Amino acid sequence: MSTGDLQSILTLLAFVSFIGIVWWAYSKRQQAAFGEAERIPLDDDAPWRPSAGARAPTDAGSREER
């Protein structure tokens, strides 16, 4: 078995793996899970409130120096 044969086999395995991942990602069973995950950034949660010991972030660039 030459190096070219080994490279051809590895290329074929990588291609088959890629096709398998694409098939899995677009399968009907994954549609519900991915549909829920795609909504995560758009969900409107309660606004962030600092805890009692935390300090609120400040923007040093917007303050005027006196």
C-alpha atoms as a PDB file:
ATOM      1  CA  MET A   1       0.000   0.000   0.000  1.00  0.00           C
ATOM      2  CA  SER A   2       1.533   3.265  -1.080  1.00  0.00           C
ATOM      3  CA  THR A   3       1.202   6.693   0.470  1.00  0.00           C
ATOM      4  CA  GLY A   4      -1.177   7.744  -2.281  1.00  0.00           C
ATOM      5  CA  ASP A   5      -3.519   4.870  -1.448  1.00  0.00           C
ATOM      6  CA  LEU A   6      -3.502   5.785   2.232  1.00  0.00           C
ATOM      7  CA  GLN A   7      -4.214   9.431   1.437  1.00  0.00           C
ATOM      8  CA  SER A   8      -7.091   8.399  -0.834  1.00  0.00           C
ATOM      9  CA  ILE A   9      -8.618   6.212   1.894  1.00  0.00           C
ATOM     10  CA  LEU A  10      -8.304   8.985   4.497  1.00  0.00           C
ATOM     11  CA  THR A  11      -9.862  11.496   2.106  1.00  0.00           C
ATOM     12  CA  LEU A  12     -12.766   9.135   1.460  1.00  0.00           C
ATOM     13  CA  LEU A  13     -13.267   8.572   5.215  1.00  0.00           C
ATOM     14  CA  ALA A  14     -13.259  12.325   5.856  1.00  0.00           C
ATOM     15  CA  PHE A  15     -15.813  12.865   3.074  1.00  0.00           C
ATOM     16  CA  VAL A  16     -18.084  10.107   4.381  1.00  0.00           C
ATOM     17  CA  SER A  17     -17.815  11.574   7.892  1.00  0.00           C
ATOM     18  CA  PHE A  18     -18.748  15.004   6.563  1.00  0.00           C
ATOM     19  CA  ILE A  19     -21.781  13.626   4.730  1.00  0.00           C
ATOM     20  CA  GLY A  20     -22.816  11.779   7.906  1.00  0.00           C
ATOM     21  CA  ILE A  21     -22.630  14.957  10.001  1.00  0.00           C
ATOM     22  CA  VAL A  22     -24.636  16.930   7.435  1.00  0.00           C
ATOM     23  CA  TRP A  23     -27.259  14.159   7.266  1.00  0.00           C
ATOM     24  CA  TRP A  24     -27.498  14.094  11.100  1.00  0.00           C
ATOM     25  CA  ALA A  25     -27.781  17.894  11.345  1.00  0.00           C
ATOM     26  CA  TYR A  26     -30.621  18.068   8.814  1.00  0.00           C
ATOM     27  CA  SER A  27     -32.515  15.007  10.071  1.00  0.00           C
ATOM     28  CA  LYS A  28     -36.095  15.401  11.305  1.00  0.00           C
ATOM     29  CA  ARG A  29     -35.167  14.204  14.808  1.00  0.00           C
ATOM     30  CA  GLN A  30     -32.786  17.137  15.298  1.00  0.00           C
ATOM     31  CA  GLN A  31     -35.194  19.769  13.995  1.00  0.00           C
ATOM     32  CA  ALA A  32     -36.935  20.298  17.359  1.00  0.00           C
ATOM     33  CA  ALA A  33     -33.671  20.551  19.321  1.00  0.00           C
ATOM     34  CA  PHE A  34     -32.114  22.958  16.842  1.00  0.00           C
ATOM     35  CA  GLY A  35     -35.341  24.981  16.649  1.00  0.00           C
ATOM     36  CA  GLU A  36     -35.222  25.486  20.404  1.00  0.00           C
ATOM     37  CA  ALA A  37     -31.511  26.343  20.350  1.00  0.00           C
ATOM     38  CA  GLU A  38     -31.901  28.944  17.594  1.00  0.00           C
ATOM     39  CA  ARG A  39     -34.375  30.886  19.748  1.00  0.00           C
ATOM     40  CA  ILE A  40     -32.016  31.214  22.753  1.00  0.00           C
ATOM     41  CA  PRO A  41     -30.446  34.563  21.721  1.00  0.00           C
ATOM     42  CA  LEU A  42     -33.869  36.026  20.964  1.00  0.00           C
ATOM     43  CA  ASP A  43     -35.599  35.029  24.191  1.00  0.00           C
ATOM     44  CA  ASP A  44     -36.564  38.070  26.211  1.00  0.00           C
ATOM     45  CA  ASP A  45     -35.408  37.358  29.743  1.00  0.00           C
ATOM     46  CA  ALA A  46     -35.722  39.602  32.757  1.00  0.00           C
ATOM     47  CA  PRO A  47     -33.223  42.478  32.691  1.00  0.00           C
ATOM     48  CA  TRP A  48     -29.956  41.985  34.512  1.00  0.00           C
ATOM     49  CA  ARG A  49     -29.850  43.352  38.043  1.00  0.00           C
ATOM     50  CA  PRO A  50     -26.628  43.402  40.043  1.00  0.00           C
ATOM     51  CA  SER A  51     -26.520  41.438  43.270  1.00  0.00           C
ATOM     52  CA  ALA A  52     -26.056  43.227  46.597  1.00  0.00           C
ATOM     53  CA  GLY A  53     -22.247  42.908  46.597  1.00  0.00           C
ATOM     54  CA  ALA A  54     -21.646  43.527  42.891  1.00  0.00           C
ATOM     55  CA  ARG A  55     -20.795  46.900  41.426  1.00  0.00           C
ATOM     56  CA  ALA A  56     -22.456  48.047  38.246  1.00  0.00           C
ATOM     57  CA  PRO A  57     -20.104  48.386  35.250  1.00  0.00           C
ATOM     58  CA  THR A  58     -19.110  51.930  34.405  1.00  0.00           C
ATOM     59  CA  ASP A  59     -18.048  53.463  31.149  1.00  0.00           C
ATOM     60  CA  ALA A  60     -14.925  55.505  31.939  1.00  0.00           C
ATOM     61  CA  GLY A  61     -14.894  57.120  28.502  1.00  0.00           C
ATOM     62  CA  SER A  62     -18.251  58.832  28.942  1.00  0.00           C
ATOM     63  CA  ARG A  63     -17.477  60.608  32.214  1.00  0.00           C
ATOM     64  CA  GLU A  64     -16.367  64.198  32.129  1.00  0.00           C
ATOM     65  CA  GLU A  65     -13.280  64.982  34.137  1.00  0.00           C
ATOM     66  CA  ARG A  66     -13.626  67.841  36.573  1.00  0.00           C
END
